[in-house]
Amino acid sequence: MKKILITGLLILSATMSFSQTFNNQRMDSLFMTLEKNNKFMGSVAVSQNGKLLYTKAIGYSDLENSKKAAAETKYKIGSVSKMFTATLVLKAIEENKLKLSQTLDAYFPQIENSKKITISNLLNHRSGIHNFTNEEYYRSDEFTTVPKSEQEMVEVITKLKSDFEPDSKAEYSNSNYVLLSYILEKVYKKPYSTILETKIAKPLGLKNTYFGGKTQIQNNETYSYHFNDKWLKSTDTDSSIPMGAGAIVSNPTDLTLFIEGLFNGKIISEKSLSLMKTLNQNFGMGMFEFTSFEHKAYGHTGGVDDFRSILIYFQNEKLAVAVISNAMIYPNMNIISCALSSYFNTPFVIPTFKALKLKPEELDLYTGQYASTEIPIKIDITMKDDKLFAQGTGQPAFPLEATENNIFKFEQAGIVLEFNKEKKQMLLKQGGKEFLFSK
């Protein structure tokens, strides 16, 4: 649920042609390189039409005790949980326990505009309810590690003023899916964890998917880590806070089984699935659309603590790909790109991670503030301890690694900065897009 991105939804950018085989060797080569250079810990699974084509796990579930990750290792999946929650809501609608037109005041009349906000609005982020994870207190351990009751979380959400009139536009808000979790509990008169188990996990045979709690290493769960000269263990967000917006635990193989079951009508009807897929200002109901030129996929991304996840499904090819990381410098989206290139038989360059060591006087040539006429942010380039850092407006600073004399990368977010010191310009590249900045 916590994100460090300069641009919005990433777009897969590999040109694809159909292939009957999967290039396991290419994937093995990438993971060998990532492990050797300490750039990634996590797991991937690729499945087609119910057949597992590839799976791999590298790194550690418990770095301090040298416990290595394995195929059965389970991770927090963050906002990929929303796809499960949206599925459960639509299942409840099919069972006549809810209606898309039902307004929020039937459950939480204290929330602003509750008489105007519908279940449909909550599902596709058109409620106007402010995203509580955007607030400063959400970045404090004092808030995220302490269990919260339904009453406490609803009070947190109620105190925040609406961002816009319901159904007038769309804006991503975790608050929507926390409320949907409580609504599910009310209509089924059961905990969210039980609803998840009985409606999705058991019917699909998902043995490693459930509502999370405090990390249990002995149960093949994993801690997450962030990098600051070395891997440091991250805090453990209490699952009572994100609820169905981000508290599910799973692994990539289970995620591919889930999304295949979802698209094959094993949980909800084709009509309900169509509602999930239908975009309104880029938001479906618990789904986004990902494009790779002529190929279309549906899915969701996620992040909680330092876990990052991606689950996508190419309906025409019946291809499912899932990646979850518990420690990441090399982006998950690049691993997705490698997996797709391994299936569609398109080029992919395995990174070398060769970094240059530049002198302080060389680095100093690039420091300063840069602005662009193309996007409304400024980027400050500073130097500390003989290393360059970049910081976008209102965002944390991140370190830059030189790959050429004038080219720097931040692998974790897929950012490349290319400087032209003569013209005092900087080109920002991310997610297949380029933005020109001037000093």
Protein backbone atom coordinates (compact mmCIF):
# COMPACT_ATOMS: atom_id res chain seq x y z
CA MET A 1 0.00 0.00 0.00
CA LYS A 2 3.01 2.27 0.35
CA LYS A 3 4.43 3.40 -2.98
CA ILE A 4 7.46 5.32 -4.32
CA LEU A 5 6.66 6.12 -7.95
CA ILE A 6 7.03 9.24 -10.06
CA THR A 7 4.61 8.10 -12.75
CA GLY A 8 1.35 6.25 -12.42
CA LEU A 9 0.42 2.75 -13.56
CA LEU A 10 3.31 1.10 -15.34
CA ILE A 11 2.72 -0.18 -18.87
CA LEU A 12 4.24 -3.39 -20.17
CA SER A 13 6.23 -2.46 -23.23
CA ALA A 14 7.48 -5.62 -24.93
CA THR A 15 6.33 -6.26 -28.51
CA MET A 16 5.06 -9.82 -28.53
CA SER A 17 4.55 -12.70 -30.92
CA PHE A 18 3.05 -16.05 -30.00
CA SER A 19 5.33 -18.85 -28.84
CA GLN A 20 4.50 -22.42 -27.86
CA THR A 21 7.43 -22.85 -25.46
CA PHE A 22 8.67 -21.09 -22.36
CA ASN A 23 12.31 -20.03 -22.12
CA ASN A 24 13.20 -21.35 -18.66
CA GLN A 25 16.88 -20.71 -19.28
CA ARG A 26 16.32 -16.97 -19.70
CA MET A 27 14.39 -16.74 -16.43
CA ASP A 28 17.02 -18.82 -14.62
CA SER A 29 19.72 -16.51 -15.98
CA LEU A 30 17.90 -13.42 -14.71
CA PHE A 31 17.35 -14.86 -11.23
CA MET A 32 20.95 -16.06 -11.04
CA THR A 33 22.11 -12.52 -11.85
CA LEU A 34 19.71 -10.94 -9.35
CA GLU A 35 20.80 -13.31 -6.58
CA LYS A 36 24.49 -12.86 -7.34
CA ASN A 37 24.17 -9.07 -7.21
CA ASN A 38 21.81 -9.01 -4.20
CA LYS A 39 19.12 -7.09 -6.11
CA PHE A 40 15.96 -9.06 -5.37
CA MET A 41 14.35 -11.52 -2.96
CA GLY A 42 11.05 -13.08 -3.84
CA SER A 43 9.21 -15.50 -6.10
CA VAL A 44 7.59 -15.82 -9.53
CA ALA A 45 5.10 -18.19 -11.15
CA VAL A 46 3.97 -18.44 -14.77
CA SER A 47 1.00 -20.59 -15.68
CA GLN A 48 -0.96 -21.25 -18.86
CA ASN A 49 -4.37 -22.91 -18.97
CA GLY A 50 -3.82 -24.41 -15.51
CA LYS A 51 -0.35 -25.78 -16.28
CA LEU A 52 2.58 -24.31 -14.34
CA LEU A 53 5.24 -23.27 -16.87
CA TYR A 54 7.79 -21.82 -14.47
CA THR A 55 8.29 -21.07 -10.80
CA LYS A 56 11.29 -19.83 -8.86
CA ALA A 57 12.05 -18.38 -5.43
CA ILE A 58 15.31 -16.69 -4.40
CA GLY A 59 16.58 -14.86 -1.33
CA TYR A 60 15.59 -15.29 2.28
CA SER A 61 12.34 -15.37 4.22
CA ASP A 62 14.33 -14.65 7.42
CA LEU A 63 17.65 -13.05 6.56
CA GLU A 64 18.85 -12.79 10.17
CA ASN A 65 18.57 -16.56 10.62
CA SER A 66 19.64 -17.42 7.05
CA LYS A 67 16.34 -19.12 6.23
CA LYS A 68 16.12 -19.29 2.45
CA ALA A 69 12.91 -18.77 0.51
CA ALA A 70 11.35 -21.78 -1.22
CA ALA A 71 8.47 -22.48 -3.56
CA GLU A 72 6.06 -22.79 -0.60
CA THR A 73 7.16 -19.48 0.97
CA LYS A 74 4.22 -17.11 1.53
CA TYR A 75 4.25 -13.32 1.26
CA LYS A 76 1.94 -10.41 2.00
CA ILE A 77 0.41 -9.43 -1.33
CA GLY A 78 -0.72 -5.88 -0.46
CA SER A 79 -3.31 -4.40 -2.80
CA VAL A 80 -3.60 -7.52 -4.95
CA SER A 81 -5.95 -8.36 -2.04
CA LYS A 82 -8.42 -5.93 -3.61
CA MET A 83 -9.03 -8.36 -6.47
CA PHE A 84 -10.07 -10.99 -3.90
CA THR A 85 -12.29 -8.51 -2.04
CA ALA A 86 -13.99 -7.30 -5.23
CA THR A 87 -14.63 -10.95 -6.16
CA LEU A 88 -16.19 -11.59 -2.74
CA VAL A 89 -18.42 -8.53 -3.03
CA LEU A 90 -19.67 -9.62 -6.45
CA LYS A 91 -20.23 -13.12 -5.06
CA ALA A 92 -22.33 -11.59 -2.28
CA ILE A 93 -24.33 -9.72 -4.93
CA GLU A 94 -24.93 -12.98 -6.81
CA GLU A 95 -26.16 -14.50 -3.54
CA ASN A 96 -28.57 -11.55 -3.09
CA LYS A 97 -26.84 -10.31 0.04
CA LEU A 98 -25.85 -6.99 -1.54
CA LYS A 99 -26.66 -4.73 -4.48
CA LEU A 100 -24.30 -2.55 -6.48
CA SER A 101 -26.78 0.31 -6.01
CA GLN A 102 -26.88 -0.10 -2.20
CA THR A 103 -25.70 3.10 -0.54
CA LEU A 104 -23.13 3.27 2.23
CA ASP A 105 -25.46 4.88 4.78
CA ALA A 106 -27.05 1.47 5.41
CA TYR A 107 -23.77 0.45 7.08
CA PHE A 108 -21.81 3.62 7.90
CA PRO A 109 -24.11 6.67 7.95
CA GLN A 110 -21.44 8.68 9.79
CA ILE A 111 -19.21 8.85 6.69
CA GLU A 112 -19.55 12.01 4.60
CA ASN A 113 -21.77 11.57 1.51
CA SER A 114 -22.75 8.07 2.66
CA LYS A 115 -26.26 8.50 1.22
CA LYS A 116 -24.74 9.10 -2.22
CA ILE A 117 -21.90 6.53 -2.19
CA THR A 118 -22.83 3.13 -3.60
CA ILE A 119 -21.15 -0.28 -3.38
CA SER A 120 -20.30 0.21 -7.05
CA ASN A 121 -18.55 3.51 -6.23
CA LEU A 122 -16.46 1.80 -3.55
CA LEU A 123 -15.45 -0.99 -5.91
CA ASN A 124 -14.16 1.26 -8.69
CA HIS A 125 -12.75 4.06 -6.53
CA ARG A 126 -15.44 6.63 -7.37
CA SER A 127 -16.61 7.27 -3.79
CA GLY A 128 -14.59 10.41 -3.07
CA ILE A 129 -13.60 8.95 0.32
CA HIS A 130 -10.11 10.13 1.16
CA ASN A 131 -7.32 7.53 1.13
CA PHE A 132 -6.21 7.20 4.76
CA THR A 133 -2.85 5.70 3.70
CA ASN A 134 -1.93 9.08 2.19
CA GLU A 135 -1.89 10.64 5.65
CA GLU A 136 1.42 11.26 7.44
CA TYR A 137 0.44 9.13 10.44
CA TYR A 138 0.23 6.07 8.19
CA ARG A 139 4.01 6.24 7.78
CA SER A 140 4.55 5.86 11.52
CA ASP A 141 5.11 2.50 13.21
CA GLU A 142 2.97 3.73 16.10
CA PHE A 143 -0.05 3.63 13.78
CA THR A 144 0.65 0.70 11.46
CA THR A 145 1.84 -1.88 14.02
CA VAL A 146 -0.99 -1.45 16.54
CA PRO A 147 -4.18 -3.53 15.94
CA LYS A 148 -7.31 -1.55 15.13
CA SER A 149 -10.95 -2.48 15.63
CA GLU A 150 -13.64 -1.82 13.03
CA GLN A 151 -14.82 1.12 15.12
CA GLU A 152 -11.33 2.61 15.25
CA MET A 153 -10.73 2.25 11.51
CA VAL A 154 -14.13 3.68 10.62
CA GLU A 155 -13.37 6.64 12.90
CA VAL A 156 -10.05 7.15 11.09
CA ILE A 157 -11.85 7.17 7.73
CA THR A 158 -14.77 9.28 8.97
CA LYS A 159 -12.49 12.08 10.18
CA LEU A 160 -11.14 12.61 6.66
CA LYS A 161 -13.08 14.98 4.41
CA SER A 162 -14.25 13.73 1.01
CA ASP A 163 -11.97 14.51 -1.91
CA PHE A 164 -14.76 14.93 -4.45
CA GLU A 165 -18.48 14.41 -5.06
CA PRO A 166 -19.31 10.69 -5.33
CA ASP A 167 -19.22 9.28 -8.89
CA SER A 168 -17.91 12.55 -10.35
CA LYS A 169 -14.45 11.08 -10.99
CA ALA A 170 -12.12 8.27 -9.88
CA GLU A 171 -9.25 8.33 -7.42
CA TYR A 172 -7.53 5.35 -5.80
CA SER A 173 -8.38 4.96 -2.12
CA ASN A 174 -7.60 2.08 0.21
CA SER A 175 -10.39 3.35 2.44
CA ASN A 176 -12.95 2.01 -0.06
CA TYR A 177 -11.78 -1.57 0.32
CA VAL A 178 -11.40 -1.43 4.09
CA LEU A 179 -15.08 -0.46 4.23
CA LEU A 180 -16.03 -3.20 1.76
CA SER A 181 -14.32 -5.70 4.07
CA TYR A 182 -16.53 -4.66 6.97
CA ILE A 183 -19.63 -4.72 4.77
CA LEU A 184 -18.83 -8.31 3.77
CA GLU A 185 -18.50 -9.24 7.44
CA LYS A 186 -21.89 -7.70 8.16
CA VAL A 187 -23.81 -9.38 5.32
CA TYR A 188 -22.26 -12.81 5.93
CA LYS A 189 -22.09 -12.39 9.72
CA LYS A 190 -18.62 -13.94 9.62
CA PRO A 191 -15.02 -12.64 9.80
CA TYR A 192 -13.41 -11.62 6.52
CA SER A 193 -10.87 -14.44 6.98
CA THR A 194 -13.65 -17.06 7.03
CA ILE A 195 -15.42 -15.56 4.01
CA LEU A 196 -12.16 -15.61 2.05
CA GLU A 197 -11.52 -19.23 3.00
CA THR A 198 -15.00 -20.56 2.25
CA LYS A 199 -15.77 -18.57 -0.91
CA ILE A 200 -12.37 -18.57 -2.67
CA ALA A 201 -9.51 -20.48 -1.03
CA LYS A 202 -11.27 -23.84 -0.45
CA PRO A 203 -13.20 -23.98 -3.76
CA LEU A 204 -10.01 -23.26 -5.73
CA GLY A 205 -7.70 -25.38 -3.58
CA LEU A 206 -5.53 -22.44 -2.53
CA LYS A 207 -3.53 -23.98 0.30
CA ASN A 208 -1.26 -20.96 0.84
CA THR A 209 -3.77 -18.10 0.66
CA TYR A 210 -5.45 -16.60 3.73
CA PHE A 211 -6.03 -13.44 5.72
CA GLY A 212 -2.69 -12.56 7.32
CA GLY A 213 -1.61 -11.82 10.86
CA LYS A 214 1.69 -11.20 12.58
CA THR A 215 4.41 -12.78 10.43
CA GLN A 216 4.99 -16.43 11.33
CA ILE A 217 8.33 -17.61 9.95
CA GLN A 218 7.65 -21.14 11.20
CA ASN A 219 4.56 -21.16 8.94
CA ASN A 220 6.71 -20.46 5.85
CA GLU A 221 5.83 -16.77 5.89
CA THR A 222 8.47 -14.12 5.26
CA TYR A 223 9.63 -10.77 6.53
CA SER A 224 10.14 -7.86 4.14
CA TYR A 225 13.32 -5.81 3.84
CA HIS A 226 14.48 -2.43 2.53
CA PHE A 227 17.98 -1.55 1.39
CA ASN A 228 20.17 1.04 3.08
CA ASP A 229 23.73 -0.10 2.31
CA LYS A 230 22.45 -3.49 3.51
CA TRP A 231 19.05 -5.19 3.83
CA LEU A 232 17.14 -4.03 6.91
CA LYS A 233 13.99 -5.71 8.21
CA SER A 234 10.84 -3.63 7.74
CA THR A 235 8.00 -3.11 10.16
CA ASP A 236 5.09 -5.54 10.18
CA THR A 237 1.80 -3.73 9.43
CA ASP A 238 -1.03 -5.19 11.48
CA SER A 239 -3.56 -6.87 9.18
CA SER A 240 -6.51 -5.25 10.97
CA ILE A 241 -5.54 -1.95 9.33
CA PRO A 242 -5.53 -2.76 5.58
CA MET A 243 -8.15 -5.56 5.91
CA GLY A 244 -9.35 -6.60 2.43
CA ALA A 245 -7.49 -3.69 0.90
CA GLY A 246 -4.12 -5.31 1.54
CA ALA A 247 -3.89 -7.96 4.28
CA ILE A 248 -3.97 -11.24 2.35
CA VAL A 249 -1.01 -13.64 2.42
CA SER A 250 -0.30 -15.88 -0.58
CA ASN A 251 2.39 -17.00 -3.00
CA PRO A 252 2.73 -16.64 -6.80
CA THR A 253 1.56 -20.17 -7.62
CA ASP A 254 -1.64 -19.70 -5.60
CA LEU A 255 -2.19 -16.30 -7.22
CA THR A 256 -2.07 -17.83 -10.70
CA LEU A 257 -4.57 -20.49 -9.58
CA PHE A 258 -6.84 -17.74 -8.23
CA ILE A 259 -6.86 -15.58 -11.34
CA GLU A 260 -7.30 -18.61 -13.62
CA GLY A 261 -10.23 -19.76 -11.50
CA LEU A 262 -11.69 -16.25 -11.56
CA PHE A 263 -11.54 -15.99 -15.36
CA ASN A 264 -12.80 -19.54 -15.86
CA GLY A 265 -16.03 -18.95 -13.95
CA LYS A 266 -15.15 -21.04 -10.91
CA ILE A 267 -16.07 -18.33 -8.37
CA ILE A 268 -18.33 -15.75 -9.98
CA SER A 269 -20.33 -15.54 -13.20
CA GLU A 270 -19.15 -14.19 -16.54
CA LYS A 271 -21.47 -11.22 -15.99
CA SER A 272 -19.79 -10.38 -12.66
CA LEU A 273 -16.32 -10.83 -14.18
CA SER A 274 -17.32 -8.44 -16.96
CA LEU A 275 -18.15 -5.82 -14.30
CA MET A 276 -14.69 -6.26 -12.78
CA LYS A 277 -13.04 -5.80 -16.19
CA THR A 278 -15.09 -2.78 -17.29
CA LEU A 279 -12.96 0.35 -16.89
CA ASN A 280 -14.30 3.71 -15.80
CA GLN A 281 -11.53 6.33 -15.92
CA ASN A 282 -8.91 3.54 -15.82
CA PHE A 283 -10.44 1.73 -12.84
CA GLY A 284 -12.27 -1.57 -13.00
CA MET A 285 -13.74 -3.26 -9.94
CA GLY A 286 -10.66 -4.60 -8.22
CA MET A 287 -8.81 -4.69 -11.53
CA PHE A 288 -6.67 -2.59 -13.81
CA GLU A 289 -5.99 -3.17 -17.49
CA PHE A 290 -2.39 -3.71 -18.56
CA THR A 291 -1.47 -3.42 -22.24
CA SER A 292 1.46 -4.79 -24.19
CA PHE A 293 0.64 -3.35 -27.60
CA GLU A 294 -1.70 -5.90 -29.24
CA HIS A 295 -1.97 -8.04 -26.09
CA LYS A 296 -4.28 -7.11 -23.21
CA ALA A 297 -4.07 -8.29 -19.60
CA TYR A 298 -6.05 -7.68 -16.42
CA GLY A 299 -4.77 -7.66 -12.88
CA HIS A 300 -3.54 -5.61 -9.96
CA THR A 301 -0.35 -4.47 -8.29
CA GLY A 302 0.29 -4.34 -4.55
CA GLY A 303 2.59 -3.09 -1.84
CA VAL A 304 2.58 -3.23 1.95
CA ASP A 305 5.61 -2.68 4.20
CA ASP A 306 8.38 -3.59 1.70
CA PHE A 307 6.47 -6.37 -0.03
CA ARG A 308 5.65 -5.69 -3.69
CA SER A 309 3.39 -7.83 -5.87
CA ILE A 310 1.96 -8.05 -9.38
CA LEU A 311 -0.70 -10.42 -10.71
CA ILE A 312 -1.81 -10.28 -14.37
CA TYR A 313 -3.83 -12.49 -16.71
CA PHE A 314 -3.85 -12.52 -20.51
CA GLN A 315 -7.33 -13.81 -21.25
CA ASN A 316 -6.80 -14.64 -24.93
CA GLU A 317 -3.63 -16.61 -24.20
CA LYS A 318 -4.94 -18.02 -20.88
CA LEU A 319 -1.61 -16.92 -19.42
CA ALA A 320 -1.17 -15.95 -15.75
CA VAL A 321 1.96 -14.32 -14.31
CA ALA A 322 2.56 -13.45 -10.65
CA VAL A 323 5.58 -11.92 -8.93
CA ILE A 324 5.95 -11.15 -5.23
CA SER A 325 9.08 -9.65 -3.67
CA ASN A 326 10.00 -9.22 -0.02
CA ALA A 327 13.16 -7.23 -0.85
CA MET A 328 13.54 -5.34 -4.09
CA ILE A 329 16.01 -3.15 -5.89
CA TYR A 330 15.39 -4.59 -9.36
CA PRO A 331 11.71 -3.84 -10.19
CA ASN A 332 9.04 -6.55 -10.25
CA MET A 333 7.76 -5.13 -13.52
CA ASN A 334 11.09 -5.95 -15.18
CA ILE A 335 10.73 -9.55 -13.98
CA ILE A 336 7.23 -9.59 -15.49
CA SER A 337 8.74 -8.31 -18.75
CA CYS A 338 11.34 -11.09 -18.70
CA ALA A 339 8.65 -13.70 -18.06
CA LEU A 340 6.54 -12.40 -20.95
CA SER A 341 9.54 -12.29 -23.28
CA SER A 342 10.28 -15.88 -22.26
CA TYR A 343 6.77 -16.88 -23.28
CA PHE A 344 6.22 -14.69 -26.34
CA ASN A 345 9.77 -15.18 -27.64
CA THR A 346 10.79 -11.52 -27.76
CA PRO A 347 14.14 -9.91 -26.87
CA PHE A 348 15.06 -9.18 -23.28
CA VAL A 349 18.39 -7.86 -21.98
CA ILE A 350 19.65 -9.47 -18.77
CA PRO A 351 21.07 -6.66 -16.58
CA THR A 352 24.77 -6.61 -15.72
CA PHE A 353 24.61 -4.21 -12.74
CA LYS A 354 27.97 -2.73 -13.65
CA ALA A 355 28.19 0.59 -11.82
CA LEU A 356 30.70 3.37 -12.39
CA LYS A 357 32.53 5.14 -9.58
CA LEU A 358 32.59 8.84 -10.43
CA LYS A 359 34.62 11.50 -8.66
CA PRO A 360 32.81 14.09 -6.48
CA GLU A 361 33.72 16.89 -8.89
CA GLU A 362 32.11 14.92 -11.73
CA LEU A 363 28.94 14.29 -9.75
CA ASP A 364 28.69 17.92 -8.69
CA LEU A 365 28.15 18.94 -12.33
CA TYR A 366 24.67 17.40 -12.19
CA THR A 367 23.43 18.78 -8.86
CA GLY A 368 20.67 21.37 -8.78
CA GLN A 369 16.91 21.65 -9.23
CA TYR A 370 15.27 20.54 -12.47
CA ALA A 371 11.79 21.42 -13.73
CA SER A 372 9.71 20.20 -16.67
CA THR A 373 6.94 21.69 -18.78
CA GLU A 374 5.62 18.15 -19.36
CA ILE A 375 4.82 17.03 -15.80
CA PRO A 376 4.10 19.21 -12.73
CA ILE A 377 6.97 18.14 -10.46
CA LYS A 378 10.43 19.44 -9.74
CA ILE A 379 13.38 17.15 -9.04
CA ASP A 380 16.25 18.11 -6.77
CA ILE A 381 19.58 16.41 -7.49
CA THR A 382 21.91 16.53 -4.48
CA MET A 383 25.17 14.90 -3.46
CA LYS A 384 25.96 13.21 -0.16
CA ASP A 385 28.92 10.99 0.72
CA ASP A 386 30.11 11.02 -2.91
CA LYS A 387 26.73 9.76 -4.15
CA LEU A 388 23.92 11.46 -6.07
CA PHE A 389 20.35 11.53 -4.76
CA ALA A 390 17.13 12.58 -6.51
CA GLN A 391 13.99 13.85 -4.83
CA GLY A 392 10.72 14.67 -6.55
CA THR A 393 8.28 17.22 -5.16
CA GLY A 394 6.64 15.79 -2.02
CA GLN A 395 8.46 12.46 -2.31
CA PRO A 396 11.34 10.80 -0.43
CA ALA A 397 14.87 11.11 -1.81
CA PHE A 398 16.31 8.04 -3.53
CA PRO A 399 19.91 7.11 -4.42
CA LEU A 400 21.22 7.13 -7.98
CA GLU A 401 23.74 4.67 -9.40
CA ALA A 402 25.94 5.71 -12.34
CA THR A 403 25.95 3.31 -15.30
CA GLU A 404 27.69 5.77 -17.65
CA ASN A 405 29.31 9.15 -17.08
CA ASN A 406 25.98 10.95 -17.60
CA ILE A 407 23.43 8.18 -16.99
CA PHE A 408 22.10 7.21 -13.56
CA LYS A 409 19.54 4.63 -12.45
CA PHE A 410 17.24 3.91 -9.54
CA GLU A 411 16.45 0.27 -10.29
CA GLN A 412 13.78 -0.11 -7.61
CA ALA A 413 11.35 2.16 -9.47
CA GLY A 414 12.73 1.59 -12.96
CA ILE A 415 13.95 5.19 -13.19
CA VAL A 416 16.73 6.30 -15.55
CA LEU A 417 18.08 9.87 -15.51
CA GLU A 418 20.16 10.93 -18.51
CA PHE A 419 21.97 14.27 -18.13
CA ASN A 420 23.17 16.71 -20.78
CA LYS A 421 25.43 19.07 -18.83
CA GLU A 422 26.11 21.36 -21.83
CA LYS A 423 22.39 22.06 -22.31
CA LYS A 424 21.71 21.85 -18.54
CA GLN A 425 19.00 19.29 -19.21
CA MET A 426 17.94 15.95 -17.75
CA LEU A 427 15.82 13.25 -19.40
CA LEU A 428 13.68 11.17 -17.01
CA LYS A 429 12.78 7.71 -18.30
CA GLN A 430 10.29 5.46 -16.51
CA GLY A 431 7.65 2.96 -17.55
CA GLY A 432 8.35 3.43 -21.26
CA LYS A 433 7.84 7.20 -21.04
CA GLU A 434 10.32 10.10 -21.26
CA PHE A 435 10.13 13.60 -19.73
CA LEU A 436 12.57 16.43 -20.41
CA PHE A 437 13.70 18.60 -17.47
CA SER A 438 15.80 21.76 -17.47
CA LYS A 439 18.11 22.89 -14.67
